[in-house]
Amino acid sequence: MSLFPLFLKLTGRSCVVIGAGQLAESKIESLRAADASVTVIAPRVNERISGMAEAGEISLQRRPYQTGDLDGAFLVVAATDDPAVNRAVFAEATAGGVLCNAVDDPPFCDFYFPSVVRRGDLQIAISTAGNSPALAQQLRKELNAQLPLDLGEWLANLGNLRREVVAAEPLNQSRRLILHELAQRQVCAYDQCPSRLLAREHARTNPLPAEKV
């Protein structure tokens, strides 16, 4: 089975989680980190998820799952300890065109939650297609140990610098080369950053043609 890797924009999208125990907790946190609108449905709720509801971070309905709970949802996570319930959720999701992840039940998943290394806007996602979540977690730990803790800040500064270059240089091979060169250098926020000076020098020596009047 081939998986298509992508990063979804979930801001404001309706995401439903069926279950509110340990299986559901990390999935809810991942969805909240993406600014999804999360509704949790479960008759029993653990302390952490209850706290999220009390803080207004999620919507919580303390009752069992029932057909129709996925109406209007973009995706659903089935995270109960009852395989029959999880598979009923998957069946409804499939019929309604809703993406579904049944936790720890790969045949009943449209997608998997990867192990993720995060540094600000930088995300490195690792998937084993459900074959070994433990291996994905181990690889995440290894990558996490190797990446600088300030990489997210560095990326933010690089993004600001990229916007400066894009504003000053038309889309051409020269711009592509300078952007790749900047990504190899240390970028910092202050005005005399070596990479920023390099970008300015490039703009000075490669001025845009004057507009015709």
N, C-alpha and C. Protein backbone atom coordinates (compact mmCIF):
# COMPACT_ATOMS: atom_id res chain seq x y z
N MET A 1 0.85 -1.20 0.00
CA MET A 1 0.00 0.00 0.00
C MET A 1 0.88 1.24 0.00
N SER A 2 0.61 2.15 -0.94
CA SER A 2 1.36 3.39 -1.01
C SER A 2 0.57 4.50 -0.34
N LEU A 3 1.25 5.28 0.50
CA LEU A 3 0.61 6.41 1.18
C LEU A 3 1.06 7.71 0.54
N PHE A 4 0.16 8.68 0.49
CA PHE A 4 0.47 9.99 -0.05
C PHE A 4 0.75 10.95 1.11
N PRO A 5 1.99 11.42 1.26
CA PRO A 5 2.30 12.31 2.38
C PRO A 5 1.88 13.74 2.08
N LEU A 6 1.19 14.37 3.02
CA LEU A 6 0.82 15.77 2.87
C LEU A 6 0.56 16.38 4.24
N PHE A 7 0.52 17.70 4.28
CA PHE A 7 0.20 18.42 5.51
C PHE A 7 -1.11 19.16 5.28
N LEU A 8 -2.12 18.85 6.11
CA LEU A 8 -3.45 19.42 5.95
C LEU A 8 -3.61 20.70 6.75
N LYS A 9 -4.35 21.64 6.19
CA LYS A 9 -4.76 22.83 6.94
C LYS A 9 -6.08 22.51 7.63
N LEU A 10 -6.05 22.45 8.95
CA LEU A 10 -7.26 22.09 9.71
C LEU A 10 -7.87 23.27 10.47
N THR A 11 -7.31 24.44 10.32
CA THR A 11 -7.80 25.59 11.08
C THR A 11 -9.31 25.77 10.88
N GLY A 12 -10.05 25.68 11.98
CA GLY A 12 -11.48 25.90 11.94
C GLY A 12 -12.29 24.73 11.39
N ARG A 13 -11.66 23.69 10.91
CA ARG A 13 -12.40 22.55 10.36
C ARG A 13 -12.95 21.67 11.49
N SER A 14 -14.11 21.09 11.24
CA SER A 14 -14.76 20.24 12.24
C SER A 14 -14.12 18.86 12.26
N CYS A 15 -13.52 18.52 13.40
CA CYS A 15 -12.90 17.22 13.59
C CYS A 15 -13.53 16.57 14.82
N VAL A 16 -13.99 15.33 14.66
CA VAL A 16 -14.68 14.63 15.73
C VAL A 16 -13.80 13.51 16.26
N VAL A 17 -13.75 13.39 17.57
CA VAL A 17 -13.02 12.30 18.22
C VAL A 17 -14.03 11.50 19.04
N ILE A 18 -14.14 10.21 18.73
CA ILE A 18 -15.01 9.33 19.48
C ILE A 18 -14.15 8.59 20.49
N GLY A 19 -14.37 8.87 21.77
CA GLY A 19 -13.53 8.32 22.83
C GLY A 19 -12.79 9.42 23.53
N ALA A 20 -12.56 9.24 24.83
CA ALA A 20 -11.91 10.30 25.61
C ALA A 20 -11.00 9.71 26.68
N GLY A 21 -10.27 8.68 26.28
CA GLY A 21 -9.31 8.07 27.19
C GLY A 21 -7.89 8.31 26.71
N GLN A 22 -6.98 7.46 27.13
CA GLN A 22 -5.57 7.63 26.79
C GLN A 22 -5.35 7.55 25.28
N LEU A 23 -6.08 6.66 24.60
CA LEU A 23 -5.92 6.54 23.15
C LEU A 23 -6.27 7.85 22.44
N ALA A 24 -7.27 8.53 22.95
CA ALA A 24 -7.75 9.74 22.28
C ALA A 24 -6.92 10.98 22.61
N GLU A 25 -6.30 10.99 23.77
CA GLU A 25 -5.69 12.22 24.28
C GLU A 25 -4.67 12.83 23.34
N SER A 26 -3.70 12.03 22.87
CA SER A 26 -2.65 12.59 22.01
C SER A 26 -3.21 13.02 20.65
N LYS A 27 -4.26 12.32 20.18
CA LYS A 27 -4.86 12.69 18.91
C LYS A 27 -5.56 14.04 19.03
N ILE A 28 -6.25 14.23 20.15
CA ILE A 28 -6.92 15.52 20.38
C ILE A 28 -5.90 16.64 20.45
N GLU A 29 -4.81 16.39 21.15
CA GLU A 29 -3.78 17.43 21.26
C GLU A 29 -3.18 17.76 19.90
N SER A 30 -2.99 16.76 19.04
CA SER A 30 -2.47 17.00 17.70
C SER A 30 -3.43 17.84 16.88
N LEU A 31 -4.71 17.54 16.97
CA LEU A 31 -5.72 18.31 16.23
C LEU A 31 -5.80 19.74 16.75
N ARG A 32 -5.72 19.90 18.06
CA ARG A 32 -5.75 21.25 18.63
C ARG A 32 -4.52 22.05 18.23
N ALA A 33 -3.37 21.38 18.12
CA ALA A 33 -2.15 22.07 17.70
C ALA A 33 -2.28 22.62 16.29
N ALA A 34 -3.17 22.00 15.49
CA ALA A 34 -3.42 22.46 14.12
C ALA A 34 -4.61 23.42 14.06
N ASP A 35 -5.10 23.85 15.23
CA ASP A 35 -6.21 24.81 15.33
C ASP A 35 -7.52 24.28 14.74
N ALA A 36 -7.70 22.95 14.80
CA ALA A 36 -8.97 22.37 14.36
C ALA A 36 -10.06 22.66 15.39
N SER A 37 -11.30 22.61 14.94
CA SER A 37 -12.45 22.71 15.84
C SER A 37 -12.82 21.29 16.25
N VAL A 38 -12.50 20.93 17.50
CA VAL A 38 -12.57 19.54 17.93
C VAL A 38 -13.80 19.29 18.81
N THR A 39 -14.57 18.28 18.42
CA THR A 39 -15.69 17.79 19.23
C THR A 39 -15.37 16.38 19.69
N VAL A 40 -15.45 16.15 21.00
CA VAL A 40 -15.17 14.84 21.58
C VAL A 40 -16.48 14.25 22.09
N ILE A 41 -16.73 13.00 21.73
CA ILE A 41 -17.95 12.31 22.16
C ILE A 41 -17.56 11.03 22.89
N ALA A 42 -17.94 10.93 24.15
CA ALA A 42 -17.60 9.74 24.95
C ALA A 42 -18.39 9.76 26.25
N PRO A 43 -18.81 8.60 26.73
CA PRO A 43 -19.53 8.56 28.01
C PRO A 43 -18.61 8.72 29.21
N ARG A 44 -17.34 8.33 29.05
CA ARG A 44 -16.34 8.46 30.12
C ARG A 44 -15.18 9.30 29.61
N VAL A 45 -14.71 10.22 30.44
CA VAL A 45 -13.71 11.19 30.00
C VAL A 45 -12.57 11.24 31.02
N ASN A 46 -11.33 11.18 30.52
CA ASN A 46 -10.22 11.25 31.47
C ASN A 46 -9.98 12.69 31.92
N GLU A 47 -9.13 12.86 32.90
CA GLU A 47 -8.94 14.16 33.54
C GLU A 47 -8.38 15.20 32.59
N ARG A 48 -7.41 14.81 31.77
CA ARG A 48 -6.78 15.77 30.86
C ARG A 48 -7.78 16.28 29.83
N ILE A 49 -8.57 15.40 29.25
CA ILE A 49 -9.54 15.82 28.24
C ILE A 49 -10.66 16.64 28.88
N SER A 50 -11.05 16.26 30.08
CA SER A 50 -12.05 17.05 30.81
C SER A 50 -11.54 18.47 31.03
N GLY A 51 -10.24 18.58 31.34
CA GLY A 51 -9.65 19.90 31.54
C GLY A 51 -9.65 20.73 30.26
N MET A 52 -9.41 20.09 29.12
CA MET A 52 -9.47 20.80 27.84
C MET A 52 -10.86 21.38 27.61
N ALA A 53 -11.88 20.56 27.93
CA ALA A 53 -13.26 21.02 27.74
C ALA A 53 -13.58 22.19 28.66
N GLU A 54 -13.15 22.09 29.93
CA GLU A 54 -13.41 23.16 30.88
C GLU A 54 -12.72 24.45 30.47
N ALA A 55 -11.56 24.32 29.79
CA ALA A 55 -10.83 25.50 29.34
C ALA A 55 -11.36 26.05 28.02
N GLY A 56 -12.36 25.39 27.44
CA GLY A 56 -12.94 25.85 26.19
C GLY A 56 -12.12 25.49 24.97
N GLU A 57 -11.17 24.57 25.12
CA GLU A 57 -10.31 24.18 23.99
C GLU A 57 -11.01 23.21 23.05
N ILE A 58 -11.95 22.46 23.56
CA ILE A 58 -12.70 21.49 22.77
C ILE A 58 -14.17 21.53 23.18
N SER A 59 -15.01 20.94 22.34
CA SER A 59 -16.42 20.74 22.70
C SER A 59 -16.57 19.28 23.14
N LEU A 60 -17.23 19.05 24.26
CA LEU A 60 -17.34 17.70 24.82
C LEU A 60 -18.80 17.31 25.00
N GLN A 61 -19.13 16.12 24.49
CA GLN A 61 -20.47 15.55 24.69
C GLN A 61 -20.30 14.23 25.43
N ARG A 62 -20.76 14.17 26.67
CA ARG A 62 -20.57 12.98 27.51
C ARG A 62 -21.70 11.98 27.26
N ARG A 63 -21.54 11.20 26.22
CA ARG A 63 -22.53 10.18 25.85
C ARG A 63 -21.88 9.22 24.87
N PRO A 64 -22.49 8.06 24.63
CA PRO A 64 -21.95 7.13 23.64
C PRO A 64 -22.10 7.67 22.22
N TYR A 65 -21.29 7.15 21.33
CA TYR A 65 -21.39 7.47 19.90
C TYR A 65 -22.73 6.98 19.35
N GLN A 66 -23.29 7.74 18.42
CA GLN A 66 -24.49 7.32 17.73
C GLN A 66 -24.43 7.76 16.28
N THR A 67 -25.09 7.02 15.41
CA THR A 67 -25.10 7.36 13.98
C THR A 67 -25.58 8.79 13.79
N GLY A 68 -24.88 9.51 12.95
CA GLY A 68 -25.21 10.92 12.70
C GLY A 68 -24.22 11.87 13.36
N ASP A 69 -23.36 11.34 14.24
CA ASP A 69 -22.40 12.20 14.94
C ASP A 69 -21.34 12.78 14.01
N LEU A 70 -21.22 12.22 12.81
CA LEU A 70 -20.18 12.69 11.88
C LEU A 70 -20.71 13.68 10.86
N ASP A 71 -21.99 14.03 10.95
CA ASP A 71 -22.56 14.98 10.00
C ASP A 71 -21.78 16.30 10.04
N GLY A 72 -21.28 16.73 8.88
CA GLY A 72 -20.56 18.00 8.80
C GLY A 72 -19.10 17.91 9.19
N ALA A 73 -18.62 16.73 9.58
CA ALA A 73 -17.22 16.60 10.00
C ALA A 73 -16.29 16.48 8.80
N PHE A 74 -15.08 16.99 8.96
CA PHE A 74 -14.05 16.85 7.93
C PHE A 74 -13.29 15.55 8.13
N LEU A 75 -12.97 15.25 9.40
CA LEU A 75 -12.34 13.98 9.71
C LEU A 75 -12.78 13.52 11.09
N VAL A 76 -12.58 12.22 11.34
CA VAL A 76 -12.96 11.65 12.62
C VAL A 76 -11.87 10.71 13.10
N VAL A 77 -11.70 10.66 14.41
CA VAL A 77 -10.80 9.70 15.03
C VAL A 77 -11.65 8.79 15.91
N ALA A 78 -11.60 7.49 15.64
CA ALA A 78 -12.29 6.50 16.47
C ALA A 78 -11.28 5.96 17.47
N ALA A 79 -11.44 6.34 18.74
CA ALA A 79 -10.43 6.01 19.74
C ALA A 79 -11.05 5.43 20.99
N THR A 80 -12.02 4.56 20.81
CA THR A 80 -12.62 3.89 21.97
C THR A 80 -11.87 2.59 22.21
N ASP A 81 -12.20 1.93 23.33
CA ASP A 81 -11.60 0.61 23.61
C ASP A 81 -12.49 -0.53 23.13
N ASP A 82 -13.48 -0.19 22.29
CA ASP A 82 -14.42 -1.17 21.75
C ASP A 82 -14.25 -1.24 20.23
N PRO A 83 -13.62 -2.29 19.69
CA PRO A 83 -13.41 -2.38 18.25
C PRO A 83 -14.69 -2.28 17.43
N ALA A 84 -15.78 -2.80 17.96
CA ALA A 84 -17.05 -2.74 17.23
C ALA A 84 -17.50 -1.30 17.03
N VAL A 85 -17.34 -0.48 18.06
CA VAL A 85 -17.70 0.93 17.96
C VAL A 85 -16.79 1.63 16.95
N ASN A 86 -15.50 1.39 17.05
CA ASN A 86 -14.55 2.02 16.15
C ASN A 86 -14.86 1.68 14.69
N ARG A 87 -15.25 0.44 14.45
CA ARG A 87 -15.53 0.03 13.08
C ARG A 87 -16.87 0.57 12.59
N ALA A 88 -17.80 0.77 13.51
CA ALA A 88 -19.06 1.42 13.15
C ALA A 88 -18.80 2.88 12.75
N VAL A 89 -17.90 3.52 13.47
CA VAL A 89 -17.52 4.90 13.14
C VAL A 89 -16.87 4.93 11.75
N PHE A 90 -15.98 3.98 11.50
CA PHE A 90 -15.33 3.92 10.19
C PHE A 90 -16.35 3.72 9.07
N ALA A 91 -17.33 2.85 9.30
CA ALA A 91 -18.35 2.60 8.29
C ALA A 91 -19.16 3.86 7.99
N GLU A 92 -19.53 4.59 9.04
CA GLU A 92 -20.29 5.84 8.81
C GLU A 92 -19.41 6.86 8.08
N ALA A 93 -18.15 6.94 8.49
CA ALA A 93 -17.24 7.89 7.85
C ALA A 93 -17.08 7.57 6.36
N THR A 94 -16.89 6.30 6.05
CA THR A 94 -16.72 5.89 4.66
C THR A 94 -17.95 6.23 3.83
N ALA A 95 -19.12 5.97 4.39
CA ALA A 95 -20.37 6.26 3.67
C ALA A 95 -20.56 7.76 3.46
N GLY A 96 -20.06 8.56 4.40
CA GLY A 96 -20.26 10.01 4.32
C GLY A 96 -19.10 10.78 3.74
N GLY A 97 -18.06 10.08 3.30
CA GLY A 97 -16.90 10.77 2.72
C GLY A 97 -16.08 11.53 3.74
N VAL A 98 -16.06 11.04 4.98
CA VAL A 98 -15.29 11.67 6.06
C VAL A 98 -14.01 10.86 6.29
N LEU A 99 -12.89 11.52 6.34
CA LEU A 99 -11.62 10.83 6.61
C LEU A 99 -11.65 10.25 8.02
N CYS A 100 -11.17 9.01 8.16
CA CYS A 100 -11.26 8.34 9.46
C CYS A 100 -9.93 7.70 9.84
N ASN A 101 -9.63 7.80 11.12
CA ASN A 101 -8.51 7.07 11.71
C ASN A 101 -9.05 6.29 12.90
N ALA A 102 -8.99 4.96 12.79
CA ALA A 102 -9.34 4.10 13.92
C ALA A 102 -8.04 3.73 14.62
N VAL A 103 -7.86 4.23 15.81
CA VAL A 103 -6.57 4.11 16.51
C VAL A 103 -6.19 2.65 16.70
N ASP A 104 -4.94 2.34 16.33
CA ASP A 104 -4.38 0.98 16.49
C ASP A 104 -5.15 -0.08 15.72
N ASP A 105 -5.82 0.32 14.63
CA ASP A 105 -6.55 -0.64 13.80
C ASP A 105 -6.34 -0.25 12.34
N PRO A 106 -5.12 -0.47 11.79
CA PRO A 106 -4.74 0.04 10.46
C PRO A 106 -5.71 -0.25 9.33
N PRO A 107 -6.34 -1.44 9.25
CA PRO A 107 -7.25 -1.67 8.12
C PRO A 107 -8.44 -0.72 8.10
N PHE A 108 -8.72 -0.09 9.24
CA PHE A 108 -9.88 0.81 9.33
C PHE A 108 -9.42 2.26 9.47
N CYS A 109 -8.40 2.60 8.69
CA CYS A 109 -7.86 3.96 8.70
C CYS A 109 -7.73 4.49 7.27
N ASP A 110 -8.17 5.72 7.05
CA ASP A 110 -7.88 6.42 5.80
C ASP A 110 -6.55 7.15 5.89
N PHE A 111 -6.10 7.41 7.11
CA PHE A 111 -4.84 8.12 7.32
C PHE A 111 -4.28 7.70 8.67
N TYR A 112 -2.99 7.96 8.85
CA TYR A 112 -2.33 7.66 10.12
C TYR A 112 -1.78 8.94 10.72
N PHE A 113 -1.73 8.99 12.03
CA PHE A 113 -1.06 10.08 12.72
C PHE A 113 0.43 9.75 12.76
N PRO A 114 1.28 10.58 12.18
CA PRO A 114 2.71 10.28 12.20
C PRO A 114 3.33 10.68 13.53
N SER A 115 4.54 10.20 13.76
CA SER A 115 5.36 10.76 14.83
C SER A 115 5.99 12.03 14.28
N VAL A 116 5.93 13.11 15.04
CA VAL A 116 6.32 14.42 14.50
C VAL A 116 7.40 15.06 15.36
N VAL A 117 8.41 15.59 14.68
CA VAL A 117 9.42 16.44 15.32
C VAL A 117 9.06 17.87 14.95
N ARG A 118 8.91 18.75 15.94
CA ARG A 118 8.51 20.13 15.67
C ARG A 118 9.56 21.10 16.19
N ARG A 119 9.83 22.09 15.35
CA ARG A 119 10.62 23.26 15.73
C ARG A 119 9.93 24.46 15.10
N GLY A 120 9.04 25.10 15.85
CA GLY A 120 8.29 26.21 15.28
C GLY A 120 7.46 25.72 14.11
N ASP A 121 7.61 26.38 12.94
CA ASP A 121 6.85 26.00 11.76
C ASP A 121 7.45 24.79 11.04
N LEU A 122 8.62 24.36 11.46
CA LEU A 122 9.22 23.17 10.86
C LEU A 122 8.61 21.92 11.47
N GLN A 123 8.13 21.03 10.61
CA GLN A 123 7.60 19.75 11.06
C GLN A 123 8.21 18.63 10.21
N ILE A 124 8.71 17.62 10.88
CA ILE A 124 9.20 16.43 10.20
C ILE A 124 8.32 15.29 10.67
N ALA A 125 7.56 14.71 9.74
CA ALA A 125 6.60 13.66 10.08
C ALA A 125 7.14 12.30 9.64
N ILE A 126 6.97 11.31 10.51
CA ILE A 126 7.47 9.96 10.25
C ILE A 126 6.32 8.98 10.32
N SER A 127 6.17 8.17 9.28
CA SER A 127 5.12 7.17 9.25
C SER A 127 5.69 5.82 8.85
N THR A 128 5.17 4.77 9.45
CA THR A 128 5.53 3.41 9.06
C THR A 128 4.31 2.70 8.47
N ALA A 129 3.30 3.47 8.05
CA ALA A 129 2.06 2.92 7.49
C ALA A 129 1.39 1.95 8.47
N GLY A 130 1.56 2.22 9.76
CA GLY A 130 0.92 1.41 10.78
C GLY A 130 1.67 0.13 11.11
N ASN A 131 2.81 -0.11 10.44
CA ASN A 131 3.55 -1.35 10.68
C ASN A 131 4.25 -1.37 12.03
N SER A 132 4.80 -0.22 12.44
CA SER A 132 5.51 -0.17 13.72
C SER A 132 5.53 1.25 14.26
N PRO A 133 4.46 1.66 14.96
CA PRO A 133 4.49 2.97 15.60
C PRO A 133 5.67 3.13 16.55
N ALA A 134 6.13 2.04 17.15
CA ALA A 134 7.28 2.13 18.06
C ALA A 134 8.54 2.57 17.31
N LEU A 135 8.74 2.07 16.09
CA LEU A 135 9.89 2.49 15.29
C LEU A 135 9.78 3.97 14.93
N ALA A 136 8.58 4.41 14.56
CA ALA A 136 8.39 5.82 14.25
C ALA A 136 8.72 6.70 15.45
N GLN A 137 8.32 6.27 16.63
CA GLN A 137 8.62 7.03 17.84
C GLN A 137 10.12 7.06 18.12
N GLN A 138 10.81 5.93 17.87
CA GLN A 138 12.24 5.89 18.10
C GLN A 138 12.97 6.82 17.13
N LEU A 139 12.56 6.82 15.87
CA LEU A 139 13.17 7.71 14.90
C LEU A 139 12.92 9.17 15.25
N ARG A 140 11.70 9.44 15.76
CA ARG A 140 11.40 10.81 16.19
C ARG A 140 12.34 11.26 17.29
N LYS A 141 12.60 10.38 18.25
CA LYS A 141 13.51 10.72 19.35
C LYS A 141 14.92 11.00 18.83
N GLU A 142 15.36 10.19 17.88
CA GLU A 142 16.71 10.37 17.33
C GLU A 142 16.82 11.70 16.58
N LEU A 143 15.82 12.01 15.75
CA LEU A 143 15.84 13.27 15.02
C LEU A 143 15.72 14.46 15.97
N ASN A 144 14.88 14.31 16.98
CA ASN A 144 14.68 15.39 17.95
C ASN A 144 15.98 15.73 18.67
N ALA A 145 16.79 14.71 18.94
CA ALA A 145 18.06 14.92 19.63
C ALA A 145 19.08 15.61 18.72
N GLN A 146 18.94 15.44 17.41
CA GLN A 146 19.92 15.98 16.47
C GLN A 146 19.64 17.42 16.05
N LEU A 147 18.38 17.82 16.06
CA LEU A 147 18.02 19.14 15.55
C LEU A 147 18.21 20.22 16.61
N PRO A 148 18.80 21.37 16.26
CA PRO A 148 18.97 22.47 17.22
C PRO A 148 17.63 22.93 17.77
N LEU A 149 17.61 23.30 19.04
CA LEU A 149 16.36 23.74 19.66
C LEU A 149 15.87 25.07 19.09
N ASP A 150 16.80 25.89 18.56
CA ASP A 150 16.39 27.20 18.03
C ASP A 150 16.12 27.16 16.53
N LEU A 151 15.93 25.97 15.98
CA LEU A 151 15.71 25.85 14.54
C LEU A 151 14.42 26.53 14.10
N GLY A 152 13.39 26.51 14.96
CA GLY A 152 12.14 27.18 14.61
C GLY A 152 12.32 28.68 14.47
N GLU A 153 13.07 29.28 15.38
CA GLU A 153 13.34 30.72 15.30
C GLU A 153 14.16 31.03 14.05
N TRP A 154 15.15 30.17 13.77
CA TRP A 154 15.97 30.35 12.57
C TRP A 154 15.11 30.30 11.32
N LEU A 155 14.15 29.36 11.27
CA LEU A 155 13.27 29.23 10.12
C LEU A 155 12.40 30.48 9.96
N ALA A 156 11.91 31.02 11.06
CA ALA A 156 11.08 32.23 10.99
C ALA A 156 11.88 33.39 10.39
N ASN A 157 13.13 33.53 10.81
CA ASN A 157 13.98 34.59 10.27
C ASN A 157 14.29 34.35 8.79
N LEU A 158 14.50 33.09 8.44
CA LEU A 158 14.75 32.76 7.04
C LEU A 158 13.52 33.08 6.19
N GLY A 159 12.32 32.82 6.74
CA GLY A 159 11.10 33.15 6.02
C GLY A 159 10.96 34.65 5.78
N ASN A 160 11.31 35.45 6.81
CA ASN A 160 11.26 36.90 6.64
C ASN A 160 12.23 37.36 5.57
N LEU A 161 13.42 36.76 5.58
CA LEU A 161 14.43 37.12 4.58
C LEU A 161 13.99 36.69 3.19
N ARG A 162 13.37 35.53 3.09
CA ARG A 162 12.89 35.06 1.79
C ARG A 162 11.89 36.05 1.21
N ARG A 163 10.99 36.57 2.06
CA ARG A 163 10.01 37.53 1.57
C ARG A 163 10.68 38.81 1.07
N GLU A 164 11.78 39.21 1.72
CA GLU A 164 12.52 40.39 1.26
C GLU A 164 13.09 40.15 -0.13
N VAL A 165 13.67 38.97 -0.32
CA VAL A 165 14.27 38.64 -1.62
C VAL A 165 13.19 38.56 -2.70
N VAL A 166 12.07 37.90 -2.39
CA VAL A 166 10.99 37.74 -3.37
C VAL A 166 10.44 39.10 -3.79
N ALA A 167 10.38 40.04 -2.84
CA ALA A 167 9.86 41.37 -3.16
C ALA A 167 10.82 42.16 -4.04
N ALA A 168 12.12 41.85 -3.95
CA ALA A 168 13.12 42.63 -4.68
C ALA A 168 13.55 41.99 -5.99
N GLU A 169 13.26 40.72 -6.17
CA GLU A 169 13.79 39.97 -7.31
C GLU A 169 12.66 39.25 -8.04
N PRO A 170 12.59 39.36 -9.37
CA PRO A 170 11.56 38.63 -10.10
C PRO A 170 11.84 37.13 -10.09
N LEU A 171 10.83 36.36 -10.43
CA LEU A 171 10.99 34.91 -10.47
C LEU A 171 11.89 34.52 -11.63
N ASN A 172 13.08 34.05 -11.31
CA ASN A 172 14.02 33.62 -12.33
C ASN A 172 15.06 32.69 -11.68
N GLN A 173 15.99 32.20 -12.47
CA GLN A 173 17.00 31.29 -11.95
C GLN A 173 17.87 31.95 -10.91
N SER A 174 18.15 33.24 -11.08
CA SER A 174 18.98 33.95 -10.13
C SER A 174 18.34 33.98 -8.75
N ARG A 175 17.02 34.22 -8.72
CA ARG A 175 16.33 34.24 -7.42
C ARG A 175 16.34 32.86 -6.77
N ARG A 176 16.13 31.83 -7.56
CA ARG A 176 16.16 30.48 -7.00
C ARG A 176 17.53 30.17 -6.39
N LEU A 177 18.59 30.59 -7.07
CA LEU A 177 19.95 30.31 -6.58
C LEU A 177 20.22 31.04 -5.27
N ILE A 178 19.81 32.31 -5.18
CA ILE A 178 20.08 33.07 -3.95
C ILE A 178 19.29 32.51 -2.78
N LEU A 179 18.04 32.06 -3.03
CA LEU A 179 17.24 31.49 -1.95
C LEU A 179 17.84 30.18 -1.45
N HIS A 180 18.36 29.37 -2.35
CA HIS A 180 19.01 28.13 -1.93
C HIS A 180 20.31 28.42 -1.18
N GLU A 181 21.01 29.46 -1.60
CA GLU A 181 22.25 29.83 -0.92
C GLU A 181 21.96 30.34 0.50
N LEU A 182 20.91 31.13 0.62
CA LEU A 182 20.56 31.66 1.94
C LEU A 182 20.19 30.53 2.90
N ALA A 183 19.55 29.49 2.39
CA ALA A 183 19.13 28.39 3.25
C ALA A 183 20.31 27.61 3.80
N GLN A 184 21.50 27.81 3.24
CA GLN A 184 22.69 27.12 3.72
C GLN A 184 23.45 27.94 4.76
N ARG A 185 23.01 29.15 5.01
CA ARG A 185 23.74 30.06 5.88
C ARG A 185 22.93 30.37 7.14
N GLN A 186 23.63 30.87 8.13
CA GLN A 186 22.96 31.27 9.36
C GLN A 186 22.18 32.56 9.13
N VAL A 187 20.87 32.53 9.36
CA VAL A 187 20.03 33.70 9.22
C VAL A 187 19.62 34.17 10.61
N CYS A 188 19.68 35.45 10.83
CA CYS A 188 19.32 35.97 12.15
C CYS A 188 18.44 37.20 11.98
N ALA A 189 17.87 37.64 13.08
CA ALA A 189 16.85 38.68 13.00
C ALA A 189 17.43 40.09 12.85
N TYR A 190 18.66 40.31 13.34
CA TYR A 190 19.11 41.70 13.37
C TYR A 190 19.47 42.20 11.97
N ASP A 191 19.48 43.52 11.81
CA ASP A 191 19.56 44.14 10.50
C ASP A 191 20.85 43.81 9.75
N GLN A 192 21.93 43.60 10.48
CA GLN A 192 23.22 43.34 9.84
C GLN A 192 23.53 41.84 9.76
N CYS A 193 22.50 41.04 9.78
CA CYS A 193 22.66 39.59 9.63
C CYS A 193 23.46 39.29 8.35
N PRO A 194 24.48 38.43 8.42
CA PRO A 194 25.28 38.13 7.23
C PRO A 194 24.44 37.68 6.03
N SER A 195 23.42 36.88 6.27
CA SER A 195 22.59 36.43 5.15
C SER A 195 21.77 37.58 4.58
N ARG A 196 21.31 38.47 5.46
CA ARG A 196 20.54 39.61 4.97
C ARG A 196 21.44 40.54 4.15
N LEU A 197 22.68 40.71 4.59
CA LEU A 197 23.62 41.53 3.84
C LEU A 197 23.89 40.90 2.47
N LEU A 198 24.02 39.57 2.44
CA LEU A 198 24.23 38.87 1.18
C LEU A 198 23.07 39.11 0.24
N ALA A 199 21.84 39.03 0.78
CA ALA A 199 20.66 39.24 -0.06
C ALA A 199 20.62 40.66 -0.61
N ARG A 200 20.99 41.63 0.22
CA ARG A 200 20.98 43.03 -0.22
C ARG A 200 22.04 43.28 -1.28
N GLU A 201 23.20 42.66 -1.09
CA GLU A 201 24.27 42.82 -2.07
C GLU A 201 23.85 42.21 -3.41
N HIS A 202 23.18 41.10 -3.35
CA HIS A 202 22.70 40.46 -4.58
C HIS A 202 21.70 41.38 -5.29
N ALA A 203 20.79 41.99 -4.51
CA ALA A 203 19.81 42.89 -5.10
C ALA A 203 20.50 44.12 -5.69
N ARG A 204 21.59 44.58 -5.03
CA ARG A 204 22.30 45.78 -5.51
C ARG A 204 23.02 45.51 -6.82
N THR A 205 23.63 44.34 -6.92
CA THR A 205 24.41 44.01 -8.12
C THR A 205 23.56 43.42 -9.24
N ASN A 206 22.29 43.10 -8.92
CA ASN A 206 21.38 42.57 -9.94
C ASN A 206 20.08 43.35 -9.89
N PRO A 207 20.15 44.66 -10.20
CA PRO A 207 18.95 45.50 -10.06
C PRO A 207 17.86 45.09 -11.05
N LEU A 208 16.63 45.37 -10.61
CA LEU A 208 15.50 45.13 -11.51
C LEU A 208 15.54 46.13 -12.66
N PRO A 209 15.15 45.72 -13.86
CA PRO A 209 15.11 46.67 -14.98
C PRO A 209 14.09 47.77 -14.73
N ALA A 210 14.42 48.98 -15.16
CA ALA A 210 13.51 50.09 -14.95
C ALA A 210 12.23 49.89 -15.74
N GLU A 211 11.10 50.24 -15.12
CA GLU A 211 9.83 50.10 -15.81
C GLU A 211 9.73 51.14 -16.93
N LYS A 212 9.15 50.69 -18.04
CA LYS A 212 8.95 51.61 -19.15
C LYS A 212 7.81 52.55 -18.87
N VAL A 213 8.01 53.82 -19.15
CA VAL A 213 6.96 54.81 -18.91
C VAL A 213 6.10 54.94 -20.15
